[in-house]
Protein backbone atom coordinates (compact mmCIF):
# COMPACT_ATOMS: atom_id res chain seq x y z
CA MET A 1 66.15 78.83 87.10
CA ALA A 2 64.01 81.36 88.98
CA GLY A 3 64.37 81.65 92.73
CA ARG A 4 61.51 81.60 95.19
CA VAL A 5 59.69 84.90 95.70
CA CYS A 6 58.73 86.38 99.05
CA PHE A 7 56.26 89.29 99.02
CA LEU A 8 57.39 92.11 101.27
CA VAL A 9 54.76 93.76 103.51
CA TRP A 10 55.60 96.78 105.63
CA GLU A 11 53.69 99.40 107.55
CA ARG A 12 53.31 102.71 105.80
CA ARG A 13 56.03 105.22 106.62
CA GLU A 14 57.07 108.61 105.35
CA LEU A 15 60.81 109.25 105.39
CA ASP A 16 62.32 112.72 105.41
CA VAL A 17 64.65 112.84 102.40
CA ASP A 18 65.86 115.61 100.14
CA ALA A 19 64.29 116.05 96.73
CA GLY A 20 66.05 114.00 94.08
CA THR A 21 66.25 110.60 92.43
CA TYR A 22 67.13 107.50 94.47
CA GLU A 23 67.81 103.80 93.86
CA VAL A 24 65.73 101.75 96.33
CA THR A 25 66.54 98.12 97.14
CA ALA A 26 65.39 95.80 99.92
CA THR A 27 67.30 92.95 101.58
CA SER A 28 66.42 90.46 104.27
CA SER A 29 67.55 91.19 107.80
CA ASP A 30 70.65 88.99 107.49
CA GLY A 31 71.59 90.77 104.26
CA HIS A 32 72.40 87.51 102.48
CA ARG A 33 69.39 85.30 101.80
CA TYR A 34 66.90 87.58 100.05
CA ARG A 35 67.28 90.66 97.88
CA SER A 36 64.83 92.68 95.79
CA GLN A 37 65.08 94.32 92.43
CA SER A 38 66.32 97.91 92.32
CA GLU A 39 63.73 100.60 91.65
CA GLN A 40 64.44 104.20 90.71
CA VAL A 41 62.33 106.69 92.68
CA THR A 42 62.05 110.46 92.18
CA VAL A 43 61.06 112.61 95.16
CA GLN A 44 59.68 116.07 94.37
CA ILE A 45 58.85 118.98 96.66
CA GLY A 46 55.10 119.49 97.05
CA GLN A 47 54.21 116.11 95.52
CA PRO A 48 52.80 113.04 97.36
CA PRO A 49 55.50 110.58 98.40
CA PRO A 50 55.99 107.81 95.83
CA VAL A 51 54.94 104.25 96.71
CA VAL A 52 57.40 101.49 95.84
CA GLN A 53 56.62 97.79 95.68
CA LEU A 54 59.62 95.48 96.04
CA HIS A 55 59.77 91.69 95.80
CA LEU A 56 62.40 89.74 97.71
CA VAL A 57 63.96 86.91 95.70
CA GLU A 58 66.15 84.24 97.22
CA ARG A 59 69.77 84.80 96.27
CA THR A 60 72.24 82.08 95.38
CA ALA A 61 74.74 82.09 98.22
CA LEU A 62 77.56 79.90 99.47
CA LYS A 63 78.28 79.80 103.18
CA VAL A 64 81.76 78.54 104.00
CA THR A 65 82.61 77.58 107.57
CA VAL A 66 86.35 77.39 108.28
CA LEU A 67 87.37 75.32 111.30
CA PRO A 68 90.83 75.48 112.90
CA ALA A 69 92.63 72.26 113.68
CA ASP A 70 91.68 70.59 116.94
CA GLY A 71 93.35 72.43 119.79
CA ASP A 72 94.61 75.30 117.61
CA ALA A 73 93.77 78.91 118.39
CA PRO A 74 91.94 80.75 115.60
CA ILE A 75 93.90 82.95 113.19
CA PRO A 76 92.73 85.51 110.59
CA ILE A 77 91.64 83.72 107.44
CA GLY A 78 91.27 84.95 103.86
CA LEU A 79 88.95 83.10 101.49
CA ARG A 80 89.29 82.81 97.70
CA ARG A 81 87.08 81.19 95.09
CA SER A 82 87.43 80.52 91.37
CA ALA A 83 85.13 78.88 88.83
CA CYS A 84 86.04 75.40 87.60
CA SER A 85 84.89 75.91 84.02
CA LEU A 86 87.36 73.28 82.80
CA GLY A 87 87.12 71.05 85.86
CA CYS A 88 88.94 71.06 89.20
CA GLY A 89 91.54 68.53 90.07
CA PRO A 90 94.73 68.12 92.13
CA ARG A 91 96.63 70.38 89.69
CA SER A 92 94.04 73.13 89.53
CA ARG A 93 95.25 76.64 90.13
CA ALA A 94 94.68 78.20 93.53
CA PRO A 95 91.43 80.18 93.82
CA ARG A 96 91.87 83.79 92.72
CA ARG A 97 88.94 85.82 94.07
CA ARG A 98 89.32 86.70 97.72
CA ALA A 99 86.64 87.35 100.29
CA ALA A 100 87.17 89.49 103.37
CA ALA A 101 88.56 87.80 106.45
CA PRO A 102 86.13 88.13 109.36
CA SER A 103 86.90 87.86 113.04
CA PRO A 104 86.52 84.40 114.61
CA ALA A 105 82.99 83.79 115.82
CA PRO A 106 80.79 80.79 116.61
CA ALA A 107 79.33 79.35 113.42
CA ALA A 108 75.67 78.55 112.96
CA SER A 109 76.39 74.92 113.83
CA GLY A 110 77.67 76.00 117.24
CA LEU A 111 81.26 74.94 116.59
CA PRO A 112 83.69 77.11 118.64
CA HIS A 113 86.19 79.53 117.10
CA SER A 114 85.03 78.96 113.53
CA PHE A 115 84.90 81.46 110.69
CA ALA A 116 81.70 81.87 108.70
CA PHE A 117 81.95 83.43 105.24
CA THR A 118 78.86 84.06 103.12
CA LEU A 119 79.47 84.61 99.41
CA SER A 120 76.33 86.09 97.86
CA ASP A 121 75.12 86.13 94.25
CA VAL A 122 77.31 83.20 93.25
CA GLU A 123 76.68 81.75 89.81
CA PRO A 124 75.52 78.10 90.01
CA GLY A 125 78.24 75.70 88.94
CA THR A 126 81.46 74.11 90.14
CA TRP A 127 83.72 76.27 92.31
CA LEU A 128 87.10 75.79 93.93
CA VAL A 129 87.15 77.39 97.39
CA GLY A 130 90.35 77.90 99.39
CA ALA A 131 91.24 79.22 102.85
CA TYR A 132 94.46 81.19 103.25
CA ARG A 133 96.39 82.30 106.30
CA GLY A 134 95.81 86.06 106.67
CA GLN A 135 96.08 88.26 103.59
CA GLU A 136 99.42 87.17 102.14
CA GLY A 137 99.86 83.72 103.64
CA PRO A 138 99.87 80.25 102.06
CA LEU A 139 96.88 78.12 101.07
CA LEU A 140 95.81 76.00 104.04
CA ALA A 141 92.79 74.06 102.77
CA SER A 142 90.65 73.88 99.63
CA GLN A 143 87.59 72.07 98.37
CA VAL A 144 85.56 71.70 95.17
CA VAL A 145 81.95 72.76 95.73
CA GLU A 146 78.89 72.23 93.51
CA VAL A 147 76.76 75.37 93.89
CA THR A 148 73.05 75.18 93.04
CA SER A 149 70.37 77.90 93.08
CA GLY A 150 69.47 78.96 96.62
CA GLN A 151 71.47 78.45 99.80
CA ASN A 152 74.64 76.31 99.81
CA GLU A 153 77.00 75.38 102.62
CA THR A 154 80.38 73.73 102.93
CA THR A 155 83.08 73.36 105.59
CA LEU A 156 86.87 73.62 105.36
CA LYS A 157 89.00 72.03 108.07
CA LEU A 158 92.43 73.60 108.58
CA PRO A 159 95.52 71.45 109.19
CA PRO A 160 97.48 71.80 112.46
CA ALA A 161 99.92 74.72 112.54
CA LEU A 162 103.60 73.78 112.23
CA ARG A 163 105.96 75.13 114.88
CA SER A 164 108.33 76.28 112.12
CA ASP A 165 105.63 78.62 110.74
CA TYR A 166 105.51 81.16 113.56
CA ALA A 167 107.34 83.06 116.30
CA LEU A 168 105.96 82.64 119.80
CA LEU A 169 105.80 85.94 121.68
CA ASN A 170 105.22 86.56 125.37
CA VAL A 171 104.22 90.21 125.76
CA ARG A 172 104.28 91.93 129.14
CA GLY A 173 103.27 95.36 130.31
CA PRO A 174 105.25 97.78 132.51
CA ASP A 175 103.98 95.93 135.60
CA GLY A 176 105.27 92.60 134.30
CA LEU A 177 101.79 91.19 133.77
CA PRO A 178 100.62 89.64 130.47
CA LEU A 179 99.48 92.27 127.98
CA ASP A 180 96.41 91.86 125.80
CA GLU A 181 94.46 94.07 123.37
CA LEU A 182 97.39 94.27 120.97
CA LYS A 183 97.66 94.83 117.23
CA PHE A 184 100.36 93.15 115.15
CA ARG A 185 101.91 93.91 111.79
CA THR A 186 104.48 91.80 110.00
CA ALA A 187 107.00 92.43 107.24
CA PHE A 188 109.68 90.52 105.38
CA GLN A 189 112.92 92.13 104.21
CA THR A 190 115.41 91.03 101.59
CA GLY A 191 118.14 93.63 101.14
CA THR A 192 116.36 96.97 100.71
CA SER A 193 113.07 95.38 99.59
CA PHE A 194 110.15 95.11 102.03
CA VAL A 195 106.89 93.19 101.86
CA SER A 196 104.41 94.01 104.61
CA THR A 197 100.79 93.42 105.53
CA PRO A 198 98.44 95.43 107.78
CA LEU A 199 96.68 92.20 108.83
CA ALA A 200 99.16 89.89 110.51
CA ALA A 201 98.22 86.25 111.03
CA VAL A 202 98.23 86.03 114.83
CA ALA A 203 96.75 83.43 117.17
CA ARG A 204 96.32 84.28 120.86
CA VAL A 205 97.10 81.06 122.72
CA ALA A 206 96.97 82.48 126.28
CA SER A 207 96.93 85.81 128.06
CA GLY A 208 99.97 87.69 126.74
CA ALA A 209 101.09 84.74 124.56
CA TYR A 210 100.78 84.94 120.77
CA ARG A 211 101.71 82.92 117.73
CA VAL A 212 102.79 85.40 115.07
CA PHE A 213 103.06 83.61 111.73
CA HIS A 214 105.82 84.50 109.31
CA LEU A 215 104.72 86.58 106.36
CA GLY A 216 104.23 84.63 103.13
CA ARG A 217 107.22 82.54 102.11
CA SER A 218 109.71 84.27 104.42
CA THR A 219 110.79 80.96 105.99
CA MET A 220 111.97 79.81 102.56
CA ASP A 221 114.66 82.50 102.27
CA ALA A 222 117.51 82.13 104.74
CA LYS A 223 118.88 85.55 103.70
CA GLY A 224 115.73 87.43 104.64
CA ILE A 225 114.68 89.08 107.88
CA CYS A 226 111.26 88.81 109.54
CA HIS A 227 109.91 91.89 111.34
CA ILE A 228 107.05 92.27 113.80
CA LEU A 229 105.46 95.52 114.98
CA ILE A 230 103.40 95.33 118.19
CA GLU A 231 101.02 98.21 118.96
CA HIS A 232 99.11 99.01 122.14
CA ARG A 233 96.50 101.75 122.32
CA ASP A 234 97.87 103.34 125.51
CA LEU A 235 101.53 102.27 125.61
CA GLY A 236 102.71 102.88 122.03
CA SER A 237 104.57 100.40 119.84
CA ARG A 238 107.50 98.01 120.05
CA SER A 239 109.23 96.20 117.20
CA LEU A 240 111.52 93.19 116.88
CA SER A 241 113.34 91.32 114.12
CA TYR A 242 114.80 87.86 113.57
CA PRO A 243 116.44 85.98 110.66
CA ALA A 244 114.15 84.07 108.33
CA GLY A 245 114.28 80.32 108.80
CA LEU A 246 113.98 80.60 112.58
CA ALA A 247 110.89 80.08 114.71
CA PRO A 248 111.98 81.88 117.90
CA MET A 249 110.37 82.22 121.29
CA LEU A 250 110.70 85.89 122.28
CA GLY A 251 109.82 88.01 125.29
CA VAL A 252 108.63 91.59 124.79
CA ARG A 253 108.36 94.08 127.66
CA PHE A 254 106.59 97.44 127.27
CA SER A 255 107.86 100.34 129.38
CA GLU A 256 105.81 103.11 130.91
CA PRO A 257 105.00 105.54 128.07
CA ALA A 258 107.09 108.67 127.75
CA SER A 259 105.91 112.17 126.84
CA VAL A 260 107.74 114.73 124.71
CA GLU A 261 107.20 118.43 124.06
CA VAL A 262 108.81 119.78 120.88
CA VAL A 263 109.59 123.51 120.92
CA LEU A 264 110.36 125.34 117.68
CA GLU A 265 112.93 128.12 117.71
CA GLY A 266 113.82 130.70 115.06
CA VAL A 267 110.36 131.13 113.52
CA GLU A 268 110.03 134.66 112.11
CA GLY A 269 106.81 136.47 111.19
CA ASP A 270 103.37 134.92 110.87
CA ARG A 271 103.57 133.52 107.33
CA TYR A 272 103.73 129.94 108.59
CA ASP A 273 101.26 130.16 111.49
CA GLY A 274 99.29 126.93 111.70
CA ARG A 275 101.31 125.26 108.95
CA PHE A 276 104.03 123.47 110.92
CA SER A 277 103.63 119.89 112.13
CA VAL A 278 105.99 117.41 113.72
CA ASN A 279 106.25 113.66 113.07
CA LEU A 280 107.89 111.44 115.67
CA ALA A 281 108.51 107.78 114.81
CA PRO A 282 110.58 104.97 116.34
CA ASP A 283 113.86 104.82 114.43
CA THR A 284 113.48 101.22 113.30
CA TRP A 285 112.94 99.27 110.10
CA TRP A 286 109.18 100.04 110.37
CA THR A 287 109.71 103.77 109.90
CA GLU A 288 110.65 103.03 106.30
CA VAL A 289 107.71 100.66 105.73
CA GLN A 290 104.62 102.02 107.45
CA ALA A 291 103.81 105.62 108.30
CA ARG A 292 101.14 104.47 110.74
CA ALA A 293 103.79 103.85 113.39
CA ARG A 294 104.46 107.59 113.42
CA ALA A 295 102.91 110.03 115.87
CA GLN A 296 102.02 113.43 114.42
CA ALA A 297 101.13 116.67 116.19
CA ALA A 298 100.34 120.13 114.91
CA VAL A 299 102.47 122.99 116.18
CA GLY A 300 100.40 125.38 118.29
CA GLU A 301 100.46 129.17 118.52
CA LYS A 302 103.40 129.13 120.92
CA GLY A 303 105.50 126.96 118.61
CA ARG A 304 104.98 123.80 120.65
CA ALA A 305 103.84 120.27 119.79
CA ALA A 306 103.07 117.65 122.45
CA PHE A 307 103.42 113.86 122.24
CA SER A 308 102.51 111.10 124.66
CA GLN A 309 102.27 107.29 124.66
CA LEU A 310 105.78 106.88 123.26
CA GLN A 311 107.99 103.94 124.09
CA PRO A 312 111.48 105.09 125.18
CA GLY A 313 114.25 104.69 122.60
CA ASP A 314 115.66 106.22 119.42
CA HIS A 315 113.14 108.15 117.33
CA LEU A 316 113.22 110.03 114.04
CA LEU A 317 111.85 113.57 114.31
CA ALA A 318 110.64 115.38 111.18
CA LEU A 319 109.50 119.02 111.05
CA ARG A 320 107.11 119.56 108.15
CA VAL A 321 105.35 122.54 106.58
CA ALA A 322 102.02 122.39 104.77
CA ARG A 323 101.76 124.07 101.36
CA GLY A 324 98.17 123.29 100.36
CA HIS A 325 98.09 121.51 97.00
CA HIS A 326 101.89 121.86 96.82
CA GLY A 327 102.11 119.07 99.41
CA ASN A 328 104.01 118.64 102.69
CA THR A 329 107.77 118.22 102.86
CA SER A 330 110.29 117.89 105.65
CA LEU A 331 112.33 120.91 106.68
CA VAL A 332 114.32 119.17 109.41
CA GLU A 333 114.96 115.49 110.10
CA GLU A 334 117.01 114.40 113.09
CA ARG A 335 117.33 111.45 115.41
CA VAL A 336 116.41 111.99 119.04
CA ASP A 337 116.61 109.85 122.17
CA VAL A 338 113.22 109.60 123.86
CA ARG A 339 113.82 108.93 127.54
CA GLU A 340 111.49 107.63 130.22
CA GLY A 341 109.28 110.26 131.83
CA SER A 342 108.88 113.73 130.30
CA GLN A 343 111.33 115.79 128.27
CA THR A 344 111.54 118.85 126.03
CA ILE A 345 113.22 118.78 122.61
CA ARG A 346 114.13 122.07 120.95
CA VAL A 347 114.26 122.26 117.16
CA ARG A 348 115.82 125.16 115.27
CA VAL A 349 113.76 126.11 112.20
CA PRO A 350 116.09 126.86 109.27
CA THR A 351 115.77 130.02 107.23
CA LEU A 352 112.92 129.59 104.75
CA TYR A 353 112.76 131.12 101.28
CA VAL A 354 110.04 132.01 98.77
CA VAL A 355 110.29 131.66 95.00
CA GLU A 356 107.89 132.75 92.24
CA ILE A 357 107.47 130.46 89.22
CA GLU A 358 106.57 131.93 85.81
CA GLY A 359 105.73 130.43 82.43
CA LEU A 360 103.67 127.51 83.73
CA THR A 361 101.29 125.97 81.20
CA ALA A 362 100.73 122.68 83.06
CA GLN A 363 101.36 121.05 86.40
CA ALA A 364 105.06 120.99 87.29
CA HIS A 365 107.31 119.49 89.97
CA ILE A 366 110.17 120.81 92.07
CA HIS A 367 112.90 118.33 92.97
CA ARG A 368 115.58 118.84 95.61
CA MET A 369 118.91 118.08 93.96
CA ASP A 370 121.02 118.01 97.14
CA THR A 371 118.96 115.79 99.46
CA GLU A 372 121.31 115.73 102.44
CA PRO A 373 120.76 116.10 105.30
CA VAL A 374 117.01 116.11 104.60
CA LYS A 375 115.34 113.26 102.70
CA TRP A 376 113.26 115.52 100.47
CA SER A 377 110.41 114.48 98.20
CA GLN A 378 109.18 116.41 95.18
CA LEU A 379 106.66 119.27 95.32
CA VAL A 380 103.71 119.62 92.99
CA VAL A 381 103.26 123.08 91.48
CA VAL A 382 99.86 124.00 90.03
CA PRO A 383 99.78 126.98 87.65
CA GLY A 384 97.79 129.99 88.81
CA PRO A 385 96.64 133.11 86.95
CA GLN A 386 98.92 134.11 84.06
CA GLY A 387 100.87 130.86 84.50
CA ARG A 388 102.37 131.90 87.84
CA ALA A 389 102.75 130.16 91.19
CA ILE A 390 104.39 131.12 94.48
CA VAL A 391 106.10 128.38 96.51
CA ASP A 392 107.34 129.10 100.01
CA GLY A 393 108.85 127.14 102.86
CA LEU A 394 111.97 126.15 100.92
CA VAL A 395 115.28 125.66 102.69
CA ALA A 396 118.64 126.63 101.24
CA GLY A 397 119.80 124.32 98.49
CA GLU A 398 119.75 123.53 94.78
CA TYR A 399 116.47 122.70 93.05
CA GLN A 400 115.18 121.61 89.66
CA LEU A 401 111.81 122.68 88.24
CA GLN A 402 110.36 120.23 85.71
CA MET A 403 107.28 120.65 83.50
CA GLY A 404 107.00 117.81 80.99
CA GLY A 405 110.27 117.83 79.03
CA LYS A 406 111.19 121.36 80.16
CA ARG A 407 113.58 121.94 83.06
CA ALA A 408 115.04 124.85 84.96
CA THR A 409 117.45 124.81 87.90
CA PHE A 410 117.80 127.39 90.65
CA ARG A 411 119.56 127.85 93.97
CA LEU A 412 118.35 129.32 97.27
CA PRO A 413 119.22 131.83 98.52
CA GLY A 414 119.96 133.88 95.39
CA THR A 415 116.80 133.34 93.35
CA SER A 416 113.45 135.13 93.68
CA THR A 417 111.88 134.30 90.29
CA VAL A 418 112.23 131.23 88.04
CA ARG A 419 110.86 131.10 84.50
CA ILE A 420 110.41 127.82 82.70
CA GLU A 421 110.41 127.92 78.88
């Protein structure tokens, strides 16, 4: 069935673009209701500008308004849809295709704190639409929708939140006042396995008071641990943990941010100028899960790196060296106590060695065989002219060079050239 056609009229304009071939498409101002065909246009130097005629055709779209339960604060919502080619009933599978979760905003109907999703270019037919809590949370509400050509609308009403589904946090700043403008991340741990999400399901119920919903099915596993990371733009980050199966009420107090200057000692020559950097991360469960919690600073000409907006407490410091396409690896890792106020931390750079690799016919890797005390990842080695490559910034230890099924081991100091055959 053809959609309605709207003829597009515009005033004549000449746009400054580079010579080349372009795909030109027009959409209505809301970006959802009308869309034109795509036309290929070639722009040539010294030739008159091409004239393009586009026709806007009404798209088939489904607008879904998601309403929180009466009295509930809004939470991030993910939307999924799946076609009901064989019919939708109580035992139908959950929708599979997910739409982005927008921020809460008034819907077109004027209802407060609703979410409005618009799914464009939907095939007419029967669809199952479901609203989920956050990105990894459970299905909260679903509905079967008959989509016809043109504009379609439906509404999903969320059930009330259960108190067992979330931790209630009261977050305060250094002055003891409620703290807003926060970002939250959640994770669930079973043994050494972590599941995390960058978009936590959080509802702000009052100034400084937040419902932070457990991640996924974490409440179902009494042996698991729930983790929450709280980030503030100016104060840094705080983290907390609690056993799965609980729905605690917790108070979080941010301290005045601390500042740290890291000073490198023992650097010889200028081979590594501009290549050192320092990572400083809270020494918590989150260090192993998300690198975003880490602060990173380049080491300046005087061998110094400055950090601010750190919450006092134990941190993991890592000194790294850049090797271009060989990657970055840690030279030193140590735990440091970041205290309130300002402090200077001195780090001794270990002796660094250089090794030349010969006989390379493909990309290879260098593995550290004795990983203590540094947690060392592998290096990528790309062959250069005549199958050679020079790798520097290596600390003393035993290494293995691997290229496909070929291997060679070497120890530093004591080796200047390694040949793999």
